[in-house]
Amino acid sequence: MNHRQEGRIDKVLVANRGEIAVRVVRACRAVEIPTVVVVSEADRGSLAARLADEVVEIGAAPASESYLQGDRILEAAVRCGASAIHPCYRFLAENAAFARACRAAGILFVGPSPEVIEAMGVKTHARARMVEAGVPVVPGATLDLEGSEESWIETAKGVGYPLLVKAASGGGGKGMRSVEGAEMLPAAIHAARREAASAFGDSTVYLERQLRHPRHVEVQIFADAHGQVVHLGERDCSIQRRHQKVIEEALAPALDEDLRRRMRASAVAAARAVNYTGAGTVEMLVDQSGEFYFLEMNTRLQVEHPVSELVSGRDFVVEQLRVAEGRPLSFAQEDIVLGGHAIEARVYAEDPSQNFLPQTGPVLLFEAPTGPGIRVETGVQTGDEVTLHYDPMIAKVCAHGADREESRRRLCAALREMVVLGVNTNLSFLLEILQRPDFIEGRVHTGFLDLHSDLEAADAGGASREEDLGWAVAAALFSSTRKGHPSGGAMSDESALPSLWSELPPWRLVEEDSWKRS
């Protein structure tokens, strides 16, 4: 489709960074929509900046001074003549005030309305809306945060232990504490409130029953402004570390067809209940008995959306742009045919042998894997810097196959092929997960990594910075020699490779393990 002929979106400002900014820029280029990327000073030379038609620097490296500065982003959009802003995920993607400011400025916000973001962004409000819509929710309770600690303990009795203290705003495990008994509750509430205030600017928390080893399953939905709501299947995101997803797959394994049908129908009902528009995700927990409960709704594109794209054959970003223009979805529910299986692994710059300590520094060499069914989303190239200012995710590696086992094997092969030198990564950790019998047989749940605690102690599998530098230099030298003879002629075969010895200056042997120039 050609948006410029439609006369609606003629330029998109991408208000994000890293792999998701690259993803959105490429989707826009595919439908011939010019793009503007905003960058911090740390991202001036990023891949997203190199791909975009225009680049606007908006502040210093910390996100609080750049990517979270909504006023600066809006000013950049107006100055560049962008008719739409795509917030991607994180940062301002679920910020109702920013979405409202875009509306006031006459700029399309590629996402749901500010009213929907507000309705679903505060978890206590979202739970109430879901109860009204007949969607099952995890048992929980609100707290009188001005009340005494004794009143908190009394409220918790009605929920039952173990329970979670959870931030009413935000997500990603921030402002969350697990509580086994009443004696732990007051301290957990105080700690969760402090963390929630710091992360989201809102210290409100509530209580929720903690299910033992549930599965985390989320349903991808899409809706337009013409009343059409569809689902595109579900994903299993149960493999998590500290409430952060590590491996995701679509479709979710080990669910019977009746459970799939009921979960998908509940997700569609949830979207209808709030007059949702655009791409969204309804997250649910499935307990060991097979009952499911609403957890939260993400009013944006998810990190793990590629696996759903792979099994559905749809481009979610292009569809988001279409809906933002006010046009109907390009497909109906009966048009969606879900085929094969896809698994995604998040590759991070971190050291599993050091309690997953984030790694920083230059990426001396980055080589993405290729092959049948392989898709890699990244914002990193050789020579880029991994800084302490942002999430240390380097890439998302996805594999699509005819079935789950083919997808798993392809992903393992891709992770073995992937090369990242200069910073330690979790590549070996991911491979260990994918090769565990429990994972192979689909026995996954949110306590998987706790059950397999030896995985966290696994060696990072990386080399030292000095070793990485040596390999990077060797790779660069080998690559350069393969381009042709020093004379410029093409090489006919590998036997014609120039010898390293011919490149060294004259020398003579003077004693064991030493040499000098003559």
Protein backbone atom coordinates (compact mmCIF):
# COMPACT_ATOMS: atom_id res chain seq x y z
CA MET A 1 0.00 0.00 0.00
CA ASN A 2 1.13 3.57 -0.61
CA HIS A 3 0.37 5.85 2.34
CA ARG A 4 1.38 8.99 0.49
CA GLN A 5 -1.41 8.40 -2.04
CA GLU A 6 -3.84 7.97 0.85
CA GLY A 7 -2.81 11.43 2.05
CA ARG A 8 -2.67 10.48 5.72
CA ILE A 9 0.74 9.47 7.06
CA ASP A 10 3.44 11.00 4.90
CA LYS A 11 6.30 10.88 7.42
CA VAL A 12 6.83 8.93 10.64
CA LEU A 13 8.98 10.01 13.57
CA VAL A 14 10.34 6.96 15.44
CA ALA A 15 10.53 7.84 19.12
CA ASN A 16 12.80 5.04 20.28
CA ARG A 17 16.17 3.39 19.80
CA GLY A 18 17.88 0.04 19.23
CA GLU A 19 16.41 -2.94 17.43
CA ILE A 20 12.79 -1.78 17.64
CA ALA A 21 13.63 1.57 16.05
CA VAL A 22 15.38 -0.31 13.23
CA ARG A 23 12.32 -2.58 12.88
CA VAL A 24 9.93 0.36 12.51
CA VAL A 25 12.20 2.26 10.10
CA ARG A 26 12.46 -0.80 7.85
CA ALA A 27 8.70 -1.35 7.89
CA CYS A 28 8.14 2.27 6.88
CA ARG A 29 10.70 2.00 4.10
CA ALA A 30 8.91 -1.09 2.79
CA VAL A 31 5.74 0.97 2.25
CA GLU A 32 7.66 4.05 1.10
CA ILE A 33 7.02 6.28 4.11
CA PRO A 34 9.95 8.60 4.98
CA THR A 35 11.23 8.36 8.56
CA VAL A 36 12.76 10.59 11.19
CA VAL A 37 14.66 9.02 14.08
CA VAL A 38 15.33 10.91 17.30
CA VAL A 39 18.61 10.00 18.99
CA SER A 40 20.49 10.74 22.15
CA GLU A 41 24.10 11.85 21.85
CA ALA A 42 25.13 8.25 22.56
CA ASP A 43 23.15 6.99 19.53
CA ARG A 44 24.36 9.44 16.88
CA GLY A 45 25.95 6.67 14.83
CA SER A 46 23.40 3.94 15.59
CA LEU A 47 22.05 1.60 12.93
CA ALA A 48 18.61 3.20 13.23
CA ALA A 49 20.14 6.62 12.59
CA ARG A 50 22.01 5.30 9.56
CA LEU A 51 18.84 3.82 8.07
CA ALA A 52 16.48 6.74 8.68
CA ASP A 53 15.88 9.55 6.20
CA GLU A 54 16.37 12.19 8.89
CA VAL A 55 17.95 12.24 12.34
CA VAL A 56 17.31 14.69 15.18
CA GLU A 57 19.44 14.69 18.32
CA ILE A 58 17.28 15.42 21.35
CA GLY A 59 19.53 15.18 24.40
CA ALA A 60 22.20 13.52 26.45
CA ALA A 61 22.69 9.77 26.77
CA PRO A 62 20.44 9.06 29.79
CA ALA A 63 16.90 8.26 28.67
CA SER A 64 15.54 10.76 31.19
CA GLU A 65 17.34 13.48 29.22
CA SER A 66 16.42 12.26 25.75
CA TYR A 67 13.97 9.45 24.94
CA LEU A 68 11.66 10.34 27.83
CA GLN A 69 11.54 14.01 26.88
CA GLY A 70 8.12 14.11 25.23
CA ASP A 71 8.19 17.87 24.60
CA ARG A 72 11.46 17.63 22.67
CA ILE A 73 10.18 14.70 20.64
CA LEU A 74 7.02 16.58 19.72
CA GLU A 75 9.05 19.65 18.78
CA ALA A 76 11.21 17.49 16.51
CA ALA A 77 8.11 16.00 14.85
CA VAL A 78 6.63 19.44 14.15
CA ARG A 79 9.95 20.81 12.89
CA CYS A 80 10.47 17.85 10.53
CA GLY A 81 6.90 17.78 9.30
CA ALA A 82 6.17 14.30 10.62
CA SER A 83 2.46 13.47 10.58
CA ALA A 84 2.79 10.50 12.96
CA ILE A 85 4.90 9.34 15.87
CA HIS A 86 5.57 5.65 16.45
CA PRO A 87 6.58 5.14 20.11
CA CYS A 88 7.57 1.45 19.66
CA TYR A 89 7.78 0.01 23.21
CA ARG A 90 9.15 1.19 26.56
CA PHE A 91 9.90 4.89 27.06
CA LEU A 92 6.73 6.80 26.03
CA ALA A 93 4.82 3.93 24.41
CA GLU A 94 2.28 3.64 27.23
CA ASN A 95 2.35 7.25 28.38
CA ALA A 96 -1.18 8.61 28.14
CA ALA A 97 -0.04 12.21 28.65
CA PHE A 98 2.30 11.95 25.65
CA ALA A 99 -0.42 10.37 23.49
CA ARG A 100 -2.74 13.23 24.50
CA ALA A 101 -0.06 15.81 23.66
CA CYS A 102 0.34 14.25 20.21
CA ARG A 103 -3.40 14.55 19.67
CA ALA A 104 -3.35 18.21 20.73
CA ALA A 105 -0.50 18.88 18.30
CA GLY A 106 -2.39 17.28 15.42
CA ILE A 107 0.07 14.41 15.14
CA LEU A 108 -1.08 10.79 14.94
CA PHE A 109 0.06 8.61 17.83
CA VAL A 110 0.61 5.07 16.51
CA GLY A 111 -1.15 3.28 19.32
CA PRO A 112 -4.43 3.24 21.22
CA SER A 113 -6.13 6.37 22.53
CA PRO A 114 -4.88 8.10 25.71
CA GLU A 115 -8.12 7.06 27.39
CA VAL A 116 -7.46 3.38 26.70
CA ILE A 117 -3.83 3.68 27.81
CA GLU A 118 -5.02 5.19 31.09
CA ALA A 119 -7.74 2.58 31.55
CA MET A 120 -5.37 -0.35 31.09
CA GLY A 121 -2.14 1.25 32.33
CA VAL A 122 -3.18 1.23 35.99
CA LYS A 123 -3.46 -2.44 36.87
CA THR A 124 -6.05 -1.97 39.59
CA HIS A 125 -8.32 -0.15 37.13
CA ALA A 126 -7.66 -2.74 34.44
CA ARG A 127 -8.59 -5.58 36.80
CA ALA A 128 -11.90 -3.89 37.58
CA ARG A 129 -12.68 -3.44 33.88
CA MET A 130 -11.91 -7.08 33.19
CA VAL A 131 -14.19 -8.26 35.99
CA GLU A 132 -16.99 -6.20 34.43
CA ALA A 133 -16.23 -7.82 31.04
CA GLY A 134 -16.40 -11.32 32.50
CA VAL A 135 -12.68 -12.00 32.07
CA PRO A 136 -11.25 -14.08 34.96
CA VAL A 137 -8.64 -12.28 37.08
CA VAL A 138 -6.11 -13.50 39.64
CA PRO A 139 -7.53 -13.05 43.18
CA GLY A 140 -6.21 -9.84 44.73
CA ALA A 141 -7.02 -6.74 46.74
CA THR A 142 -6.36 -3.02 46.82
CA LEU A 143 -4.61 -1.52 49.83
CA ASP A 144 -5.37 1.47 51.98
CA LEU A 145 -1.88 2.90 51.62
CA GLU A 146 -2.63 5.56 54.21
CA GLY A 147 -3.66 2.89 56.69
CA SER A 148 -1.59 1.06 59.27
CA GLU A 149 0.67 -1.92 58.64
CA GLU A 150 -1.78 -3.96 60.70
CA SER A 151 -4.55 -3.08 58.23
CA TRP A 152 -2.32 -4.24 55.36
CA ILE A 153 -1.82 -7.59 57.06
CA GLU A 154 -5.55 -7.92 57.58
CA THR A 155 -6.23 -7.20 53.89
CA ALA A 156 -3.62 -9.77 52.88
CA LYS A 157 -5.45 -12.50 54.81
CA GLY A 158 -8.28 -12.29 52.30
CA VAL A 159 -5.86 -12.77 49.41
CA GLY A 160 -3.87 -15.61 50.92
CA TYR A 161 -0.17 -16.45 50.85
CA PRO A 162 2.07 -16.61 48.95
CA LEU A 163 1.19 -13.29 47.37
CA LEU A 164 2.74 -10.55 45.28
CA VAL A 165 2.97 -6.88 46.09
CA LYS A 166 2.70 -5.23 42.66
CA ALA A 167 3.02 -1.71 41.33
CA ALA A 168 -0.28 -0.41 39.98
CA SER A 169 1.58 1.33 37.13
CA GLY A 170 4.37 0.01 34.91
CA GLY A 171 5.67 -3.51 34.61
CA GLY A 172 8.80 -5.52 33.89
CA GLY A 173 9.07 -6.69 37.48
CA LYS A 174 9.66 -3.19 38.85
CA GLY A 175 7.84 -2.47 42.10
CA MET A 176 7.11 -6.15 42.66
CA ARG A 177 7.85 -8.26 45.73
CA SER A 178 7.04 -11.87 46.58
CA VAL A 179 5.73 -12.42 50.12
CA GLU A 180 5.53 -15.80 51.84
CA GLY A 181 4.02 -14.70 55.16
CA ALA A 182 2.59 -11.82 57.17
CA GLU A 183 5.87 -11.01 58.87
CA MET A 184 7.40 -10.09 55.49
CA LEU A 185 4.51 -7.99 54.21
CA PRO A 186 5.12 -4.46 55.59
CA ALA A 187 8.78 -4.37 54.51
CA ALA A 188 7.84 -5.71 51.06
CA ILE A 189 5.16 -3.05 50.60
CA HIS A 190 7.52 -0.23 51.59
CA ALA A 191 10.27 -1.54 49.27
CA ALA A 192 7.87 -2.02 46.35
CA ARG A 193 6.46 1.48 46.79
CA ARG A 194 9.92 3.05 46.74
CA GLU A 195 10.88 1.17 43.59
CA ALA A 196 7.57 1.93 41.87
CA ALA A 197 7.87 5.64 42.64
CA SER A 198 11.38 5.68 41.19
CA ALA A 199 10.53 3.68 38.07
CA PHE A 200 7.05 4.98 37.23
CA GLY A 201 6.47 8.11 39.30
CA ASP A 202 3.61 6.32 41.08
CA SER A 203 4.04 4.55 44.41
CA THR A 204 0.61 2.85 44.35
CA VAL A 205 0.78 -0.92 44.92
CA TYR A 206 -1.78 -3.67 45.38
CA LEU A 207 -1.85 -7.34 46.40
CA GLU A 208 -2.30 -10.33 44.13
CA ARG A 209 -2.31 -14.08 44.82
CA GLN A 210 0.94 -15.67 43.67
CA LEU A 211 0.27 -18.76 41.61
CA ARG A 212 2.81 -21.54 41.95
CA HIS A 213 4.67 -22.26 38.71
CA PRO A 214 2.03 -20.93 36.32
CA ARG A 215 2.55 -20.53 32.61
CA HIS A 216 2.72 -17.00 31.23
CA VAL A 217 0.65 -16.96 28.05
CA GLU A 218 -0.31 -13.82 26.13
CA VAL A 219 -2.72 -13.33 23.26
CA GLN A 220 -1.89 -10.95 20.43
CA ILE A 221 -4.86 -8.82 19.40
CA PHE A 222 -5.47 -6.17 16.74
CA ALA A 223 -8.41 -3.79 16.56
CA ASP A 224 -9.48 -0.91 14.34
CA ALA A 225 -11.77 2.07 14.81
CA HIS A 226 -14.53 0.33 12.83
CA GLY A 227 -15.38 -2.23 15.51
CA GLN A 228 -13.27 -5.10 14.22
CA VAL A 229 -11.21 -7.00 16.81
CA VAL A 230 -9.16 -10.08 15.93
CA HIS A 231 -6.59 -12.26 17.63
CA LEU A 232 -3.44 -13.65 16.01
CA GLY A 233 -2.89 -16.57 18.34
CA GLU A 234 -0.98 -16.73 21.57
CA ARG A 235 2.63 -16.77 22.77
CA ASP A 236 4.21 -18.57 25.69
CA CYS A 237 6.59 -16.29 27.60
CA SER A 238 7.08 -18.47 30.67
CA ILE A 239 10.89 -18.61 30.56
CA GLN A 240 11.68 -15.55 32.66
CA ARG A 241 14.48 -14.32 34.87
CA ARG A 242 13.50 -11.81 37.54
CA HIS A 243 10.19 -11.23 35.75
CA GLN A 244 11.99 -10.41 32.48
CA LYS A 245 11.22 -12.63 29.51
CA VAL A 246 14.12 -14.60 28.06
CA ILE A 247 12.58 -16.97 25.51
CA GLU A 248 9.18 -16.63 23.83
CA GLU A 249 7.36 -18.89 21.42
CA ALA A 250 4.25 -19.00 19.28
CA LEU A 251 2.03 -20.81 19.42
CA ALA A 252 2.08 -21.74 23.12
CA PRO A 253 2.92 -25.43 23.56
CA ALA A 254 0.96 -27.97 25.63
CA LEU A 255 -2.40 -26.16 25.59
CA ASP A 256 -5.52 -28.06 24.60
CA GLU A 257 -7.69 -26.56 21.90
CA ASP A 258 -10.54 -25.70 24.26
CA LEU A 259 -8.20 -23.68 26.50
CA ARG A 260 -6.75 -21.88 23.47
CA ARG A 261 -10.24 -21.02 22.24
CA ARG A 262 -11.36 -19.66 25.63
CA MET A 263 -8.20 -17.60 26.16
CA ARG A 264 -8.37 -16.08 22.69
CA ALA A 265 -12.06 -15.24 23.16
CA SER A 266 -11.32 -13.59 26.52
CA ALA A 267 -8.57 -11.48 24.96
CA VAL A 268 -10.93 -10.27 22.24
CA ALA A 269 -13.57 -9.51 24.91
CA ALA A 270 -10.98 -7.55 26.91
CA ALA A 271 -10.14 -5.40 23.88
CA ARG A 272 -13.80 -4.78 23.09
CA ALA A 273 -14.48 -3.80 26.70
CA VAL A 274 -12.20 -0.76 26.41
CA ASN A 275 -12.84 0.12 22.74
CA TYR A 276 -9.26 -0.79 21.89
CA THR A 277 -7.56 0.20 18.62
CA GLY A 278 -4.20 -0.92 17.25
CA ALA A 279 -1.86 -3.70 18.33
CA GLY A 280 -2.08 -4.97 21.89
CA THR A 281 -1.38 -7.94 24.07
CA VAL A 282 -3.54 -9.51 26.76
CA GLU A 283 -1.28 -11.30 29.24
CA MET A 284 -2.62 -14.23 31.23
CA LEU A 285 -1.44 -16.80 33.74
CA VAL A 286 -2.38 -20.47 33.38
CA ASP A 287 -2.23 -22.48 36.60
CA GLN A 288 -1.39 -26.14 36.94
CA SER A 289 -5.06 -27.12 36.81
CA GLY A 290 -5.52 -25.44 33.45
CA GLU A 291 -7.43 -22.41 34.68
CA PHE A 292 -6.40 -19.05 33.23
CA TYR A 293 -6.48 -15.54 34.68
CA PHE A 294 -6.07 -12.04 33.26
CA LEU A 295 -2.76 -10.51 34.30
CA GLU A 296 -2.49 -7.22 32.41
CA MET A 297 -2.88 -5.63 29.00
CA ASN A 298 0.05 -4.10 27.15
CA THR A 299 -1.21 -1.24 25.03
CA ARG A 300 1.65 -1.34 22.53
CA LEU A 301 3.74 -3.58 20.33
CA GLN A 302 5.55 -6.25 22.36
CA VAL A 303 9.26 -7.06 22.23
CA GLU A 304 8.35 -10.60 21.22
CA HIS A 305 5.96 -9.68 18.38
CA PRO A 306 8.21 -11.29 15.69
CA VAL A 307 7.21 -14.84 16.64
CA SER A 308 3.54 -13.98 16.09
CA GLU A 309 4.40 -12.31 12.80
CA LEU A 310 6.22 -15.45 11.69
CA VAL A 311 3.30 -17.80 12.39
CA SER A 312 0.65 -15.42 11.06
CA GLY A 313 2.50 -14.01 8.03
CA ARG A 314 1.45 -10.45 8.93
CA ASP A 315 3.50 -7.27 9.35
CA PHE A 316 2.28 -5.76 12.60
CA VAL A 317 4.03 -2.41 12.18
CA VAL A 318 2.50 -1.81 8.75
CA GLU A 319 -0.89 -2.76 10.17
CA GLN A 320 -0.37 -0.34 13.07
CA LEU A 321 0.18 2.47 10.58
CA ARG A 322 -2.95 1.51 8.69
CA VAL A 323 -5.09 1.57 11.85
CA ALA A 324 -3.52 4.85 13.00
CA GLU A 325 -4.72 6.40 9.73
CA GLY A 326 -8.26 5.39 10.65
CA ARG A 327 -8.55 2.69 8.01
CA PRO A 328 -9.97 -0.78 8.73
CA LEU A 329 -7.75 -3.77 9.34
CA SER A 330 -6.55 -5.41 6.15
CA PHE A 331 -7.73 -8.80 7.41
CA ALA A 332 -10.63 -10.41 9.25
CA GLN A 333 -10.45 -13.23 11.77
CA GLU A 334 -11.24 -15.82 9.12
CA ASP A 335 -8.28 -14.59 7.05
CA ILE A 336 -5.79 -15.45 9.79
CA VAL A 337 -4.12 -18.81 9.20
CA LEU A 338 -1.54 -19.67 11.85
CA GLY A 339 1.20 -21.92 10.50
CA GLY A 340 4.25 -23.62 11.96
CA HIS A 341 6.02 -22.67 15.16
CA ALA A 342 8.41 -19.86 16.06
CA ILE A 343 10.77 -19.34 19.01
CA GLU A 344 12.64 -16.17 19.95
CA ALA A 345 15.69 -15.83 22.19
CA ARG A 346 16.82 -12.49 23.59
CA VAL A 347 20.59 -12.06 23.34
CA TYR A 348 21.92 -9.76 26.05
CA ALA A 349 25.31 -8.25 26.79
CA GLU A 350 25.58 -9.79 30.24
CA ASP A 351 27.67 -12.33 32.11
CA PRO A 352 25.64 -15.30 33.40
CA SER A 353 28.61 -16.49 35.49
CA GLN A 354 28.57 -13.14 37.37
CA ASN A 355 24.89 -13.10 38.27
CA PHE A 356 24.05 -11.72 34.83
CA LEU A 357 26.04 -8.55 35.37
CA PRO A 358 25.35 -6.20 32.42
CA GLN A 359 28.36 -5.76 30.14
CA THR A 360 29.50 -2.54 28.50
CA GLY A 361 32.10 -1.70 25.89
CA PRO A 362 32.72 -1.84 22.15
CA VAL A 363 31.34 -4.63 20.00
CA LEU A 364 34.52 -5.68 18.22
CA LEU A 365 32.75 -8.06 15.86
CA PHE A 366 29.06 -8.77 15.30
CA GLU A 367 27.90 -11.42 12.86
CA ALA A 368 24.22 -12.35 12.75
CA PRO A 369 23.25 -15.92 11.87
CA THR A 370 21.35 -16.74 8.69
CA GLY A 371 19.60 -19.77 7.28
CA PRO A 372 16.15 -21.20 6.60
CA GLY A 373 13.53 -19.76 8.94
CA ILE A 374 15.97 -17.46 10.77
CA ARG A 375 15.11 -13.85 11.55
CA VAL A 376 17.40 -11.54 13.54
CA GLU A 377 16.34 -8.15 14.84
CA THR A 378 19.15 -5.95 16.12
CA GLY A 379 20.27 -2.38 16.43
CA VAL A 380 23.93 -3.35 16.77
CA GLN A 381 26.74 -3.59 14.24
CA THR A 382 30.48 -4.16 14.49
CA GLY A 383 32.10 -1.14 16.10
CA ASP A 384 29.03 -0.04 18.08
CA GLU A 385 29.23 0.59 21.81
CA VAL A 386 27.10 -1.10 24.46
CA THR A 387 26.59 1.57 27.12
CA LEU A 388 25.26 1.54 30.66
CA HIS A 389 22.45 3.93 29.76
CA TYR A 390 20.08 1.46 28.12
CA ASP A 391 18.80 -2.09 28.20
CA PRO A 392 21.72 -4.40 27.27
CA MET A 393 19.76 -6.44 24.72
CA ILE A 394 21.90 -6.90 21.60
CA ALA A 395 19.51 -8.84 19.40
CA LYS A 396 16.45 -11.01 19.15
CA VAL A 397 17.13 -14.24 17.28
CA CYS A 398 14.01 -15.99 15.97
CA ALA A 399 13.52 -19.32 14.24
CA HIS A 400 10.42 -20.48 12.38
CA GLY A 401 9.84 -24.11 11.49
CA ALA A 402 7.11 -26.51 10.45
CA ASP A 403 6.76 -27.61 14.09
CA ARG A 404 8.20 -26.78 17.49
CA GLU A 405 11.13 -29.20 17.29
CA GLU A 406 12.27 -27.92 13.91
CA SER A 407 12.02 -24.37 15.21
CA ARG A 408 14.02 -25.27 18.35
CA ARG A 409 16.78 -26.97 16.36
CA ARG A 410 17.03 -24.08 13.92
CA LEU A 411 17.29 -21.61 16.80
CA CYS A 412 20.04 -23.65 18.46
CA ALA A 413 22.00 -23.72 15.21
CA ALA A 414 21.55 -19.97 14.79
CA LEU A 415 22.75 -19.19 18.31
CA ARG A 416 25.85 -21.36 17.77
CA GLU A 417 26.56 -19.50 14.53
CA MET A 418 26.11 -16.02 16.02
CA VAL A 419 29.34 -14.11 16.76
CA VAL A 420 29.57 -11.29 19.30
CA LEU A 421 33.08 -10.28 20.33
CA GLY A 422 34.06 -7.56 22.79
CA VAL A 423 31.36 -8.10 25.41
CA ASN A 424 30.20 -11.24 27.18
CA THR A 425 26.75 -12.47 26.20
CA ASN A 426 24.17 -14.97 27.37
CA LEU A 427 24.42 -17.09 24.20
CA SER A 428 25.58 -20.22 26.05
CA PHE A 429 22.88 -19.68 28.67
CA LEU A 430 20.19 -19.56 25.99
CA LEU A 431 21.51 -22.72 24.35
CA GLU A 432 21.47 -24.53 27.69
CA ILE A 433 17.79 -23.65 28.15
CA LEU A 434 16.81 -24.77 24.67
CA GLN A 435 18.54 -28.13 25.13
CA ARG A 436 17.04 -29.03 28.51
CA PRO A 437 14.67 -32.03 28.31
CA ASP A 438 11.95 -30.09 30.15
CA PHE A 439 12.03 -27.36 27.52
CA ILE A 440 12.20 -29.83 24.63
CA GLU A 441 9.08 -31.55 25.98
CA GLY A 442 7.24 -28.27 26.53
CA ARG A 443 7.25 -28.42 30.35
CA VAL A 444 7.75 -24.69 30.82
CA HIS A 445 6.49 -22.35 33.54
CA THR A 446 7.56 -19.13 35.24
CA GLY A 447 9.61 -21.07 37.79
CA PHE A 448 11.61 -22.89 35.10
CA LEU A 449 14.90 -21.09 35.82
CA ASP A 450 14.44 -21.53 39.57
CA LEU A 451 13.93 -25.25 39.04
CA HIS A 452 17.01 -25.34 36.80
CA SER A 453 19.12 -23.14 39.05
CA ASP A 454 22.35 -24.63 37.70
CA LEU A 455 21.71 -22.69 34.49
CA GLU A 456 22.34 -19.40 36.28
CA ALA A 457 25.71 -20.64 37.46
CA ALA A 458 26.72 -21.72 33.98
CA ASP A 459 29.86 -20.25 32.49
CA ALA A 460 29.19 -17.34 30.19
CA GLY A 461 31.07 -19.12 27.45
CA GLY A 462 32.74 -15.90 26.43
CA ALA A 463 36.36 -14.97 26.06
CA SER A 464 38.34 -12.24 27.72
CA ARG A 465 38.48 -8.79 26.13
CA GLU A 466 42.07 -9.54 25.05
CA GLU A 467 41.04 -12.85 23.44
CA ASP A 468 38.11 -11.18 21.72
CA LEU A 469 40.41 -8.49 20.35
CA GLY A 470 42.76 -11.14 18.99
CA TRP A 471 39.92 -12.99 17.28
CA ALA A 472 38.50 -9.75 15.90
CA VAL A 473 41.87 -8.76 14.41
CA ALA A 474 42.32 -12.25 12.95
CA ALA A 475 38.83 -12.16 11.45
CA ALA A 476 39.40 -8.74 9.94
CA LEU A 477 42.76 -9.80 8.49
CA PHE A 478 41.30 -12.99 7.05
CA SER A 479 38.36 -11.09 5.59
CA SER A 480 40.64 -8.56 3.94
CA THR A 481 42.88 -11.23 2.41
CA ARG A 482 39.88 -12.95 0.82
CA LYS A 483 39.03 -9.86 -1.20
CA GLY A 484 41.89 -10.43 -3.63
CA HIS A 485 45.64 -10.57 -4.14
CA PRO A 486 47.73 -7.60 -3.04
CA SER A 487 47.99 -6.84 -6.73
CA GLY A 488 44.22 -6.45 -6.94
CA GLY A 489 43.47 -9.59 -8.94
CA ALA A 490 40.75 -11.95 -7.83
CA MET A 491 41.76 -15.17 -6.15
CA SER A 492 40.70 -18.34 -7.89
CA ASP A 493 40.75 -20.56 -4.79
CA GLU A 494 41.73 -20.58 -1.13
CA SER A 495 45.19 -21.95 -1.97
CA ALA A 496 45.88 -18.56 -3.51
CA LEU A 497 45.40 -16.75 -0.20
CA PRO A 498 48.38 -14.49 0.49
CA SER A 499 50.61 -15.79 3.24
CA LEU A 500 50.83 -13.92 6.54
CA TRP A 501 54.60 -14.53 6.41
CA SER A 502 54.87 -12.49 3.21
CA GLU A 503 53.34 -9.54 5.05
CA LEU A 504 55.88 -9.54 7.94
CA PRO A 505 59.02 -7.36 7.88
CA PRO A 506 62.41 -9.14 7.52
CA TRP A 507 63.49 -10.96 10.71
CA ARG A 508 65.90 -13.59 11.94
CA LEU A 509 65.77 -16.09 14.75
CA VAL A 510 68.15 -15.15 17.59
CA GLU A 511 66.95 -17.38 20.39
CA GLU A 512 63.99 -19.48 21.39
CA ASP A 513 60.65 -17.61 21.43
CA SER A 514 62.17 -14.32 20.36
CA TRP A 515 62.73 -12.43 17.12
CA LYS A 516 63.79 -9.03 15.93
CA ARG A 517 63.90 -7.09 12.71
CA SER A 518 67.14 -7.36 10.72
